[in-house]
Every structure is written in C-alpha cells, then in structure tokens.
Amino acid sequence: MHKMPQIEIYTTRYCGYCQSAKALLARKGLAYSEIDVTGDHEGRIRMVERANGRMTVPQIFIGATHVGGFQELYALERAGRLDPLLASERAAATSAAGGLGS
C-alpha cells in the first residue's frame, strides 16, 4: 500500500469555490484536511504565508506543492496533470517515510 500525499485545503464558510474544490477531490476519492479560516485571523495569516501572499480561498496544497485555488486545481485535472502530481507527491511521501508500505 502506498502512502497518499497529504492534501490540505484552506477554506471559509460560504465559499463556492471551496465547495467546488472539495467536491472535485471527493469525486476522485481523495482524502483531505480542511482548515477553515473563517474568523481565524492567525489561521489566515499562516495560510497567506504558506501561499506566498495569496489571500483568497481556497488555497490547496498537495504534499509539498502549492496548487493554488480551485481554478488551478480544476485546470490541472482538465489537463490530465493532477494524477501525475498526486503520484509524484505520493512517491515523495513514501520515500520520506523510509519506503514504508511499498
């Protein structure tokens, strides 16, 4: 069994693009950690720092890769580049875990 890359998505309540991003990940059967920054000033600051200054939600991270928002995630999927990104991040996660589960 291969270790899945960690997927993190920063969201706020009532965010249509956040809902769309979560739905796309769910359709692909991918687990993710949601970090709701609604009213969380410190959480929003951490998100902006991780996202290189981007302040909009969602902000999506797959393993070490900052994907961006929903439009970037959707563009990767449409271009057939999301699955290869997941595979490369999965390989990096498995390697970082010392090859466990391979």
N, C-alpha and C. Protein backbone atom coordinates (compact mmCIF):
# COMPACT_ATOMS: atom_id res chain seq x y z
N MET A 1 0.85 -1.19 0.00
CA MET A 1 0.00 0.00 0.00
C MET A 1 0.89 1.25 0.00
N HIS A 2 0.54 2.19 -0.83
CA HIS A 2 1.33 3.42 -0.94
C HIS A 2 0.74 4.50 -0.05
N LYS A 3 1.60 5.28 0.52
CA LYS A 3 1.17 6.41 1.36
C LYS A 3 0.63 7.51 0.44
N MET A 4 -0.55 8.00 0.77
CA MET A 4 -1.14 9.08 -0.02
C MET A 4 -0.50 10.40 0.39
N PRO A 5 -0.33 11.31 -0.58
CA PRO A 5 0.20 12.62 -0.20
C PRO A 5 -0.82 13.35 0.66
N GLN A 6 -0.34 14.16 1.56
CA GLN A 6 -1.24 14.95 2.38
C GLN A 6 -1.82 16.07 1.53
N ILE A 7 -3.13 16.18 1.55
CA ILE A 7 -3.82 17.25 0.83
C ILE A 7 -4.45 18.15 1.88
N GLU A 8 -4.12 19.43 1.82
CA GLU A 8 -4.68 20.41 2.75
C GLU A 8 -5.37 21.49 1.94
N ILE A 9 -6.54 21.88 2.42
CA ILE A 9 -7.29 22.92 1.73
C ILE A 9 -7.78 23.93 2.76
N TYR A 10 -7.35 25.18 2.57
CA TYR A 10 -7.79 26.28 3.43
C TYR A 10 -9.10 26.79 2.85
N THR A 11 -10.11 26.91 3.70
CA THR A 11 -11.44 27.31 3.26
C THR A 11 -12.03 28.35 4.20
N THR A 12 -13.17 28.89 3.77
CA THR A 12 -14.05 29.65 4.66
C THR A 12 -15.45 29.12 4.45
N ARG A 13 -16.31 29.39 5.42
CA ARG A 13 -17.72 29.04 5.26
C ARG A 13 -18.29 29.85 4.10
N TYR A 14 -19.26 29.36 3.43
CA TYR A 14 -19.96 30.10 2.37
C TYR A 14 -19.05 30.46 1.20
N CYS A 15 -18.12 29.60 0.88
CA CYS A 15 -17.20 29.85 -0.23
C CYS A 15 -17.52 28.84 -1.34
N GLY A 16 -18.08 29.33 -2.42
CA GLY A 16 -18.47 28.45 -3.52
C GLY A 16 -17.29 27.72 -4.14
N TYR A 17 -16.18 28.42 -4.34
CA TYR A 17 -15.00 27.77 -4.92
C TYR A 17 -14.44 26.71 -3.97
N CYS A 18 -14.55 26.95 -2.66
CA CYS A 18 -14.09 25.95 -1.68
C CYS A 18 -14.93 24.69 -1.81
N GLN A 19 -16.25 24.86 -1.92
CA GLN A 19 -17.14 23.71 -2.08
C GLN A 19 -16.81 22.95 -3.36
N SER A 20 -16.55 23.68 -4.44
CA SER A 20 -16.22 23.04 -5.72
C SER A 20 -14.92 22.27 -5.63
N ALA A 21 -13.93 22.83 -4.97
CA ALA A 21 -12.63 22.15 -4.82
C ALA A 21 -12.79 20.87 -4.01
N LYS A 22 -13.54 20.94 -2.90
CA LYS A 22 -13.76 19.76 -2.07
C LYS A 22 -14.53 18.69 -2.85
N ALA A 23 -15.50 19.12 -3.66
CA ALA A 23 -16.28 18.17 -4.46
C ALA A 23 -15.39 17.48 -5.50
N LEU A 24 -14.49 18.22 -6.13
CA LEU A 24 -13.58 17.61 -7.12
C LEU A 24 -12.69 16.57 -6.44
N LEU A 25 -12.14 16.91 -5.28
CA LEU A 25 -11.29 15.96 -4.56
C LEU A 25 -12.09 14.73 -4.14
N ALA A 26 -13.33 14.95 -3.68
CA ALA A 26 -14.18 13.83 -3.26
C ALA A 26 -14.52 12.92 -4.44
N ARG A 27 -14.81 13.51 -5.61
CA ARG A 27 -15.11 12.70 -6.81
C ARG A 27 -13.94 11.80 -7.17
N LYS A 28 -12.73 12.27 -6.88
CA LYS A 28 -11.54 11.48 -7.17
C LYS A 28 -11.21 10.50 -6.05
N GLY A 29 -12.02 10.52 -4.98
CA GLY A 29 -11.81 9.61 -3.86
C GLY A 29 -10.61 9.99 -3.00
N LEU A 30 -10.27 11.28 -2.99
CA LEU A 30 -9.09 11.75 -2.26
C LEU A 30 -9.47 12.30 -0.90
N ALA A 31 -8.77 11.88 0.12
CA ALA A 31 -8.96 12.42 1.46
C ALA A 31 -8.17 13.72 1.57
N TYR A 32 -8.69 14.64 2.36
CA TYR A 32 -8.00 15.91 2.54
C TYR A 32 -8.28 16.43 3.94
N SER A 33 -7.42 17.32 4.39
CA SER A 33 -7.62 18.03 5.66
C SER A 33 -8.12 19.42 5.32
N GLU A 34 -9.25 19.79 5.90
CA GLU A 34 -9.81 21.12 5.67
C GLU A 34 -9.43 22.02 6.84
N ILE A 35 -8.91 23.18 6.53
CA ILE A 35 -8.55 24.17 7.54
C ILE A 35 -9.45 25.37 7.30
N ASP A 36 -10.48 25.50 8.13
CA ASP A 36 -11.45 26.59 7.99
C ASP A 36 -10.88 27.83 8.68
N VAL A 37 -10.61 28.86 7.89
CA VAL A 37 -10.04 30.09 8.45
C VAL A 37 -11.10 31.19 8.64
N THR A 38 -12.38 30.82 8.61
CA THR A 38 -13.45 31.78 8.87
C THR A 38 -13.25 32.36 10.27
N GLY A 39 -13.05 33.65 10.37
CA GLY A 39 -12.90 34.30 11.67
C GLY A 39 -11.63 33.91 12.42
N ASP A 40 -10.70 33.23 11.76
CA ASP A 40 -9.46 32.78 12.40
C ASP A 40 -8.31 33.61 11.84
N HIS A 41 -8.05 34.74 12.48
CA HIS A 41 -7.02 35.67 11.98
C HIS A 41 -5.66 35.00 11.90
N GLU A 42 -5.27 34.27 12.94
CA GLU A 42 -3.96 33.60 12.95
C GLU A 42 -3.89 32.53 11.85
N GLY A 43 -4.97 31.79 11.69
CA GLY A 43 -5.01 30.76 10.64
C GLY A 43 -4.89 31.38 9.26
N ARG A 44 -5.54 32.51 9.06
CA ARG A 44 -5.48 33.20 7.77
C ARG A 44 -4.06 33.69 7.51
N ILE A 45 -3.39 34.21 8.54
CA ILE A 45 -2.00 34.66 8.38
C ILE A 45 -1.11 33.48 7.98
N ARG A 46 -1.28 32.32 8.62
CA ARG A 46 -0.49 31.12 8.26
C ARG A 46 -0.76 30.72 6.81
N MET A 47 -2.04 30.79 6.40
CA MET A 47 -2.39 30.44 5.03
C MET A 47 -1.69 31.37 4.04
N VAL A 48 -1.76 32.67 4.29
CA VAL A 48 -1.15 33.66 3.38
C VAL A 48 0.36 33.44 3.29
N GLU A 49 0.99 33.15 4.43
CA GLU A 49 2.44 32.87 4.42
C GLU A 49 2.75 31.64 3.58
N ARG A 50 1.99 30.57 3.78
CA ARG A 50 2.23 29.34 3.02
C ARG A 50 1.94 29.53 1.53
N ALA A 51 0.96 30.37 1.22
CA ALA A 51 0.50 30.57 -0.16
C ALA A 51 1.23 31.72 -0.85
N ASN A 52 2.40 32.09 -0.33
CA ASN A 52 3.21 33.14 -0.95
C ASN A 52 2.44 34.43 -1.17
N GLY A 53 1.65 34.82 -0.16
CA GLY A 53 0.95 36.10 -0.23
C GLY A 53 -0.45 36.04 -0.78
N ARG A 54 -0.87 34.91 -1.30
CA ARG A 54 -2.24 34.81 -1.83
C ARG A 54 -3.22 34.81 -0.68
N MET A 55 -4.24 35.64 -0.77
CA MET A 55 -5.17 35.83 0.34
C MET A 55 -6.55 35.25 0.08
N THR A 56 -6.80 34.74 -1.11
CA THR A 56 -8.12 34.20 -1.43
C THR A 56 -8.21 32.74 -0.99
N VAL A 57 -9.45 32.28 -0.82
CA VAL A 57 -9.70 30.88 -0.54
C VAL A 57 -10.47 30.28 -1.70
N PRO A 58 -10.30 29.00 -1.95
CA PRO A 58 -9.44 28.08 -1.21
C PRO A 58 -7.97 28.24 -1.61
N GLN A 59 -7.10 27.76 -0.73
CA GLN A 59 -5.70 27.58 -1.06
C GLN A 59 -5.44 26.08 -0.83
N ILE A 60 -4.91 25.44 -1.85
CA ILE A 60 -4.79 23.98 -1.84
C ILE A 60 -3.33 23.58 -1.92
N PHE A 61 -2.96 22.65 -1.06
CA PHE A 61 -1.60 22.12 -1.01
C PHE A 61 -1.69 20.60 -1.15
N ILE A 62 -0.89 20.06 -2.06
CA ILE A 62 -0.79 18.61 -2.22
C ILE A 62 0.65 18.25 -1.91
N GLY A 63 0.85 17.60 -0.77
CA GLY A 63 2.21 17.34 -0.32
C GLY A 63 2.94 18.67 -0.17
N ALA A 64 4.11 18.77 -0.76
CA ALA A 64 4.91 19.99 -0.68
C ALA A 64 4.52 21.02 -1.74
N THR A 65 3.60 20.68 -2.62
CA THR A 65 3.24 21.55 -3.75
C THR A 65 2.05 22.44 -3.43
N HIS A 66 2.24 23.75 -3.61
CA HIS A 66 1.13 24.70 -3.50
C HIS A 66 0.44 24.74 -4.86
N VAL A 67 -0.77 24.18 -4.93
CA VAL A 67 -1.52 24.14 -6.18
C VAL A 67 -2.09 25.50 -6.51
N GLY A 68 -2.61 26.19 -5.50
CA GLY A 68 -3.30 27.47 -5.70
C GLY A 68 -4.74 27.31 -5.29
N GLY A 69 -5.63 27.90 -6.07
CA GLY A 69 -7.05 27.84 -5.75
C GLY A 69 -7.79 26.81 -6.59
N PHE A 70 -9.13 26.91 -6.56
CA PHE A 70 -9.95 25.95 -7.30
C PHE A 70 -9.65 25.98 -8.80
N GLN A 71 -9.50 27.17 -9.35
CA GLN A 71 -9.29 27.25 -10.80
C GLN A 71 -8.01 26.53 -11.22
N GLU A 72 -6.96 26.64 -10.41
CA GLU A 72 -5.71 25.94 -10.72
C GLU A 72 -5.87 24.43 -10.55
N LEU A 73 -6.59 24.03 -9.49
CA LEU A 73 -6.86 22.60 -9.28
C LEU A 73 -7.64 22.02 -10.45
N TYR A 74 -8.69 22.73 -10.87
CA TYR A 74 -9.52 22.28 -11.98
C TYR A 74 -8.72 22.24 -13.29
N ALA A 75 -7.87 23.24 -13.50
CA ALA A 75 -7.04 23.26 -14.71
C ALA A 75 -6.09 22.06 -14.74
N LEU A 76 -5.51 21.72 -13.59
CA LEU A 76 -4.64 20.53 -13.53
C LEU A 76 -5.43 19.28 -13.89
N GLU A 77 -6.63 19.15 -13.35
CA GLU A 77 -7.47 17.98 -13.63
C GLU A 77 -7.83 17.91 -15.11
N ARG A 78 -8.26 19.03 -15.69
CA ARG A 78 -8.65 19.06 -17.10
C ARG A 78 -7.48 18.76 -18.02
N ALA A 79 -6.29 19.19 -17.64
CA ALA A 79 -5.10 18.97 -18.47
C ALA A 79 -4.49 17.58 -18.25
N GLY A 80 -5.09 16.79 -17.35
CA GLY A 80 -4.55 15.46 -17.07
C GLY A 80 -3.27 15.51 -16.24
N ARG A 81 -3.06 16.60 -15.51
CA ARG A 81 -1.82 16.76 -14.74
C ARG A 81 -2.00 16.57 -13.25
N LEU A 82 -3.26 16.43 -12.78
CA LEU A 82 -3.48 16.24 -11.35
C LEU A 82 -3.03 14.85 -10.89
N ASP A 83 -3.40 13.82 -11.63
CA ASP A 83 -3.00 12.46 -11.23
C ASP A 83 -1.48 12.29 -11.21
N PRO A 84 -0.74 12.79 -12.22
CA PRO A 84 0.73 12.71 -12.12
C PRO A 84 1.30 13.47 -10.92
N LEU A 85 0.70 14.63 -10.58
CA LEU A 85 1.16 15.37 -9.41
C LEU A 85 0.93 14.54 -8.15
N LEU A 86 -0.25 13.93 -8.04
CA LEU A 86 -0.55 13.08 -6.89
C LEU A 86 0.44 11.92 -6.81
N ALA A 87 0.75 11.32 -7.95
CA ALA A 87 1.68 10.19 -7.98
C ALA A 87 3.08 10.63 -7.55
N SER A 88 3.53 11.79 -8.02
CA SER A 88 4.88 12.22 -7.66
C SER A 88 4.95 12.60 -6.18
N GLU A 89 3.90 13.22 -5.66
CA GLU A 89 3.87 13.56 -4.24
C GLU A 89 3.72 12.30 -3.38
N ARG A 90 2.99 11.30 -3.91
CA ARG A 90 2.87 10.02 -3.20
C ARG A 90 4.23 9.36 -3.10
N ALA A 91 5.00 9.38 -4.18
CA ALA A 91 6.34 8.80 -4.18
C ALA A 91 7.24 9.52 -3.19
N ALA A 92 7.13 10.85 -3.14
CA ALA A 92 7.94 11.64 -2.21
C ALA A 92 7.55 11.32 -0.78
N ALA A 93 6.23 11.17 -0.52
CA ALA A 93 5.77 10.85 0.83
C ALA A 93 6.23 9.46 1.25
N THR A 94 6.19 8.50 0.32
CA THR A 94 6.62 7.14 0.62
C THR A 94 8.12 7.12 0.89
N SER A 95 8.88 7.87 0.09
CA SER A 95 10.33 7.95 0.27
C SER A 95 10.66 8.58 1.61
N ALA A 96 9.94 9.66 1.96
CA ALA A 96 10.17 10.34 3.23
C ALA A 96 9.84 9.46 4.42
N ALA A 97 8.92 8.51 4.21
CA ALA A 97 8.53 7.59 5.29
C ALA A 97 9.47 6.39 5.34
N GLY A 98 10.55 6.46 4.59
CA GLY A 98 11.53 5.38 4.61
C GLY A 98 11.09 4.17 3.81
N GLY A 99 10.19 4.41 2.84
CA GLY A 99 9.76 3.31 1.99
C GLY A 99 8.72 2.42 2.64
N LEU A 100 8.18 2.82 3.78
CA LEU A 100 7.18 2.01 4.45
C LEU A 100 5.95 1.85 3.55
N GLY A 101 5.42 0.67 3.56
CA GLY A 101 4.20 0.41 2.82
C GLY A 101 4.42 0.19 1.34
N SER A 102 5.67 0.12 0.88
CA SER A 102 5.85 -0.09 -0.54
C SER A 102 5.96 -1.55 -0.86
